[in-house]
Amino acid sequence: MTRAIYRITGPDREAFLQGLVTNDVAKLADGIVYAAFLTPQGKYIADFFLIPADDTVLLDIDASIAAPTIQRLSMYRLRADVQIEETALHLHRGSGTPPPDGFADPRHPDMGWRAYRDTPQADDEIDWTALRVAHCIPETGIELTPDTFILEAGFERLSGVDFHKGCYVGQEVTARMKHKTQLRKGLARVHLSGPAKPGTPLTGDGKPAGELHSVAGDQAIAYLRFDRAGNGLMAGDVAVTWEKD
């Protein structure tokens, strides 16, 4: 998917972000940070990468949600000395050891590296969707929607949330889900016994049990109701198996 790269400047930039995003912005001292921006009710608005760049912070976000997200972030600026501008930078991705200007993807080692350059990437033959599915990594607009709670989407496993930082928008709901409840629903990697399309409803012993999202070969990311995801899980007439990680 196309990415938009923004530059956040001003002396209050890190304090501004710290009060809004799910991860600890202080981690920028060590490199790239994956985070989300939530509603006060704890639901997903956007996910993005924050990247240290001299005395600025880059924000790498799916282009389809960039404009409304930046507009909503800007509503919180108030008197903060912060500026947010779109850049002409391009995302480059690859596998293996990051180049000197690259950062290892913090979500999973197999997701390679990300770098931000003045020219577009010439070619990219890596099947990133297959890698995403193999490691149950959600995608903006597919698994991640306005109805998503980030813990159901695996953000703790993906290093996208910090439970020791201070308050941020949506923090109370997220913390309550972490400490007071056991997740009954969420994303999981499943195996398919045959072809099945994204969006196919799942049933467990004939009862609604979730839905398929991203599919790659005989694997898929599914949103599951865990108490119905045991034996007898089906996507239409295709048998589905799920093993807890």
Protein backbone atom coordinates (compact mmCIF):
# COMPACT_ATOMS: atom_id res chain seq x y z
CA MET A 1 0.00 0.00 0.00
CA THR A 2 1.10 3.57 -0.67
CA ARG A 3 2.65 5.38 2.26
CA ALA A 4 2.70 9.08 3.11
CA ILE A 5 5.66 10.49 5.04
CA TYR A 6 5.18 13.54 7.26
CA ARG A 7 7.73 15.58 9.17
CA ILE A 8 6.95 16.76 12.70
CA THR A 9 9.05 19.68 13.91
CA GLY A 10 9.13 22.11 16.80
CA PRO A 11 10.52 21.95 20.34
CA ASP A 12 7.31 20.38 21.71
CA ARG A 13 7.11 17.58 19.13
CA GLU A 14 7.94 14.64 21.42
CA ALA A 15 5.82 15.87 24.33
CA PHE A 16 2.94 16.43 21.89
CA LEU A 17 3.18 12.90 20.52
CA GLN A 18 3.70 11.34 23.95
CA GLY A 19 0.25 12.44 25.06
CA LEU A 20 -1.44 11.02 21.98
CA VAL A 21 0.11 7.74 20.81
CA THR A 22 0.12 4.26 22.32
CA ASN A 23 3.87 3.77 22.50
CA ASP A 24 6.58 5.56 24.46
CA VAL A 25 8.02 8.32 22.29
CA ALA A 26 11.20 8.28 24.41
CA LYS A 27 12.08 5.08 22.52
CA LEU A 28 12.90 7.27 19.51
CA ALA A 29 16.31 7.65 21.12
CA ASP A 30 16.90 4.00 20.14
CA GLY A 31 15.32 4.10 16.67
CA ILE A 32 11.99 3.56 14.94
CA VAL A 33 8.77 3.25 16.97
CA TYR A 34 5.50 1.58 15.93
CA ALA A 35 2.39 3.10 17.49
CA ALA A 36 -1.31 3.81 17.10
CA PHE A 37 -3.62 6.78 17.61
CA LEU A 38 -6.95 5.94 19.27
CA THR A 39 -10.32 7.47 20.02
CA PRO A 40 -11.10 8.32 23.66
CA GLN A 41 -13.12 5.07 23.65
CA GLY A 42 -9.94 3.13 22.85
CA LYS A 43 -10.76 2.29 19.24
CA TYR A 44 -8.37 2.50 16.33
CA ILE A 45 -7.93 5.64 14.27
CA ALA A 46 -4.53 4.99 12.71
CA ASP A 47 -1.26 3.10 13.04
CA PHE A 48 2.09 4.45 11.91
CA PHE A 49 5.84 4.42 12.39
CA LEU A 50 7.69 7.28 14.08
CA ILE A 51 11.28 7.74 12.95
CA PRO A 52 13.99 9.94 14.49
CA ALA A 53 15.49 12.31 11.92
CA ASP A 54 17.97 14.79 13.38
CA ASP A 55 15.89 17.35 15.29
CA THR A 56 12.59 16.20 13.73
CA VAL A 57 10.35 13.13 13.76
CA LEU A 58 9.11 11.45 10.59
CA LEU A 59 5.67 9.85 10.57
CA ASP A 60 5.16 6.97 8.11
CA ILE A 61 1.45 6.24 7.57
CA ASP A 62 -0.82 4.54 5.06
CA ALA A 63 -1.71 7.22 2.51
CA SER A 64 -5.40 6.29 2.51
CA ILE A 65 -5.84 7.50 6.10
CA ALA A 66 -3.09 10.13 6.23
CA ALA A 67 -5.04 13.36 5.69
CA PRO A 68 -7.83 12.75 8.24
CA THR A 69 -5.32 11.41 10.78
CA ILE A 70 -3.06 14.45 10.49
CA GLN A 71 -6.09 16.72 10.73
CA ARG A 72 -7.22 14.98 13.90
CA LEU A 73 -3.74 15.01 15.44
CA SER A 74 -3.51 18.72 14.69
CA MET A 75 -6.66 19.35 16.73
CA TYR A 76 -4.62 18.50 19.84
CA ARG A 77 -1.82 20.98 19.17
CA LEU A 78 -3.45 23.82 21.11
CA ARG A 79 -0.48 25.94 22.26
CA ALA A 80 2.16 23.31 21.56
CA ASP A 81 5.00 24.54 19.35
CA VAL A 82 4.63 21.79 16.75
CA GLN A 83 4.43 21.80 12.96
CA ILE A 84 3.34 18.86 10.78
CA GLU A 85 4.13 18.92 7.06
CA GLU A 86 3.99 16.29 4.34
CA THR A 87 7.31 15.44 2.72
CA ALA A 88 8.29 14.10 -0.70
CA LEU A 89 10.17 11.19 0.85
CA HIS A 90 9.59 7.62 -0.33
CA LEU A 91 9.52 4.44 1.72
CA HIS A 92 12.05 1.76 0.78
CA ARG A 93 11.81 -1.75 2.21
CA GLY A 94 14.05 -4.78 2.16
CA SER A 95 15.07 -7.91 4.03
CA GLY A 96 18.22 -8.77 5.92
CA THR A 97 20.53 -6.35 7.69
CA PRO A 98 19.31 -2.74 7.45
CA PRO A 99 21.42 -0.35 5.34
CA PRO A 100 23.07 2.61 7.09
CA ASP A 101 19.97 4.76 6.58
CA GLY A 102 17.51 1.98 7.44
CA PHE A 103 15.65 0.87 10.54
CA ALA A 104 14.64 -2.68 11.45
CA ASP A 105 10.86 -3.07 11.43
CA PRO A 106 9.97 -3.22 15.14
CA ARG A 107 6.93 -5.46 14.62
CA HIS A 108 8.87 -8.63 13.74
CA PRO A 109 12.44 -9.44 12.60
CA ASP A 110 11.16 -11.11 9.42
CA MET A 111 9.50 -7.86 8.31
CA GLY A 112 12.90 -6.52 7.28
CA TRP A 113 13.86 -2.86 7.28
CA ARG A 114 12.44 0.52 6.33
CA ALA A 115 14.31 3.53 4.94
CA TYR A 116 13.18 6.97 3.76
CA ARG A 117 14.73 8.37 0.61
CA ASP A 118 14.28 11.11 -1.98
CA THR A 119 13.62 8.73 -4.89
CA PRO A 120 11.07 5.90 -5.26
CA GLN A 121 12.09 2.29 -4.75
CA ALA A 122 12.91 0.77 -8.13
CA ASP A 123 11.68 -2.75 -7.45
CA ASP A 124 10.49 -4.83 -4.54
CA GLU A 125 10.03 -8.54 -5.19
CA ILE A 126 9.34 -9.53 -1.58
CA ASP A 127 5.85 -10.87 -0.90
CA TRP A 128 5.13 -8.68 2.11
CA THR A 129 1.54 -9.90 2.34
CA ALA A 130 2.70 -13.49 2.77
CA LEU A 131 5.14 -12.40 5.47
CA ARG A 132 2.43 -10.39 7.22
CA VAL A 133 0.06 -13.32 7.22
CA ALA A 134 2.74 -15.74 8.40
CA HIS A 135 3.33 -13.57 11.47
CA CYS A 136 -0.26 -12.33 11.95
CA ILE A 137 0.61 -8.68 11.38
CA PRO A 138 -2.49 -6.57 10.68
CA GLU A 139 -2.76 -4.11 7.80
CA THR A 140 -4.40 -0.71 7.78
CA GLY A 141 -7.88 -0.89 6.27
CA ILE A 142 -7.97 -4.70 6.25
CA GLU A 143 -7.54 -6.00 9.78
CA LEU A 144 -7.28 -2.52 11.29
CA THR A 145 -10.56 -0.60 11.06
CA PRO A 146 -12.47 1.95 13.18
CA ASP A 147 -14.00 -0.97 15.11
CA THR A 148 -10.60 -2.38 16.13
CA PHE A 149 -9.29 -2.54 19.69
CA ILE A 150 -5.52 -2.69 19.34
CA LEU A 151 -4.98 -5.46 21.90
CA GLU A 152 -7.32 -7.68 19.88
CA ALA A 153 -5.09 -6.86 16.90
CA GLY A 154 -1.92 -7.98 18.68
CA PHE A 155 -0.27 -4.62 19.28
CA GLU A 156 1.41 -5.80 22.47
CA ARG A 157 3.10 -8.63 20.56
CA LEU A 158 4.00 -6.19 17.76
CA SER A 159 5.73 -3.72 20.11
CA GLY A 160 3.05 -1.13 19.35
CA VAL A 161 1.91 -0.25 22.87
CA ASP A 162 3.67 0.61 26.13
CA PHE A 163 1.90 0.01 29.45
CA HIS A 164 4.43 1.94 31.54
CA LYS A 165 4.27 5.34 29.83
CA GLY A 166 1.95 8.12 30.93
CA CYS A 167 -1.55 8.84 29.72
CA TYR A 168 -2.55 9.02 26.07
CA VAL A 169 -5.86 9.19 24.26
CA GLY A 170 -7.67 5.86 24.72
CA GLN A 171 -5.25 4.69 27.42
CA GLU A 172 -7.86 3.88 30.07
CA VAL A 173 -9.78 1.44 27.88
CA THR A 174 -6.58 -0.17 26.60
CA ALA A 175 -5.17 -0.62 30.11
CA ARG A 176 -8.45 -2.06 31.36
CA MET A 177 -8.47 -4.62 28.55
CA LYS A 178 -4.89 -5.55 29.44
CA HIS A 179 -5.30 -5.91 33.20
CA LYS A 180 -8.93 -6.74 33.90
CA THR A 181 -10.21 -8.94 31.11
CA GLN A 182 -9.22 -11.97 29.09
CA LEU A 183 -9.55 -11.34 25.38
CA ARG A 184 -12.49 -13.25 23.96
CA LYS A 185 -11.97 -12.08 20.39
CA GLY A 186 -9.00 -11.12 18.29
CA LEU A 187 -6.79 -11.70 15.28
CA ALA A 188 -5.15 -15.07 14.77
CA ARG A 189 -3.29 -16.90 12.03
CA VAL A 190 -5.26 -19.83 10.68
CA HIS A 191 -4.62 -22.61 8.17
CA LEU A 192 -7.03 -23.35 5.33
CA SER A 193 -7.73 -26.77 3.84
CA GLY A 194 -8.64 -25.19 0.50
CA PRO A 195 -9.18 -21.87 -1.30
CA ALA A 196 -11.13 -19.23 0.60
CA LYS A 197 -11.59 -15.53 -0.05
CA PRO A 198 -11.04 -12.60 2.32
CA GLY A 199 -14.31 -11.62 3.93
CA THR A 200 -15.59 -15.19 4.18
CA PRO A 201 -17.53 -15.65 7.43
CA LEU A 202 -16.27 -18.32 9.82
CA THR A 203 -18.45 -20.71 11.75
CA GLY A 204 -17.67 -23.01 14.64
CA ASP A 205 -20.01 -25.97 14.93
CA GLY A 206 -22.49 -23.97 12.89
CA LYS A 207 -22.30 -20.81 15.02
CA PRO A 208 -20.77 -17.49 13.88
CA ALA A 209 -17.10 -17.52 14.88
CA GLY A 210 -15.43 -14.70 12.96
CA GLU A 211 -14.22 -13.72 9.50
CA LEU A 212 -11.24 -14.21 7.21
CA HIS A 213 -9.18 -11.14 6.37
CA SER A 214 -5.82 -11.32 4.57
CA VAL A 215 -5.19 -14.63 2.77
CA ALA A 216 -1.84 -15.93 1.48
CA GLY A 217 -1.80 -19.47 0.13
CA ASP A 218 -3.11 -21.86 2.76
CA GLN A 219 -2.71 -19.33 5.58
CA ALA A 220 -4.85 -16.39 6.58
CA ILE A 221 -5.37 -13.79 9.26
CA ALA A 222 -8.79 -14.21 10.82
CA TYR A 223 -10.78 -12.31 13.39
CA LEU A 224 -11.96 -15.02 15.76
CA ARG A 225 -14.33 -15.46 18.62
CA PHE A 226 -11.97 -17.72 20.53
CA ASP A 227 -14.58 -19.76 22.39
CA ARG A 228 -15.96 -20.95 19.05
CA ALA A 229 -12.64 -21.47 17.26
CA GLY A 230 -11.98 -25.07 18.24
CA ASN A 231 -12.96 -28.16 16.29
CA GLY A 232 -15.42 -27.68 13.46
CA LEU A 233 -14.16 -24.25 12.38
CA MET A 234 -15.19 -23.61 8.76
CA ALA A 235 -14.95 -20.91 6.10
CA GLY A 236 -17.87 -21.90 3.93
CA ASP A 237 -17.05 -25.50 3.00
CA VAL A 238 -13.32 -25.09 3.74
CA ALA A 239 -12.02 -26.51 7.02
CA VAL A 240 -10.01 -24.05 9.11
CA THR A 241 -7.56 -24.87 11.88
CA TRP A 242 -6.20 -22.53 14.51
CA GLU A 243 -3.38 -23.16 16.94
CA LYS A 244 -2.76 -20.80 19.82
CA ASP A 245 0.70 -19.22 19.71
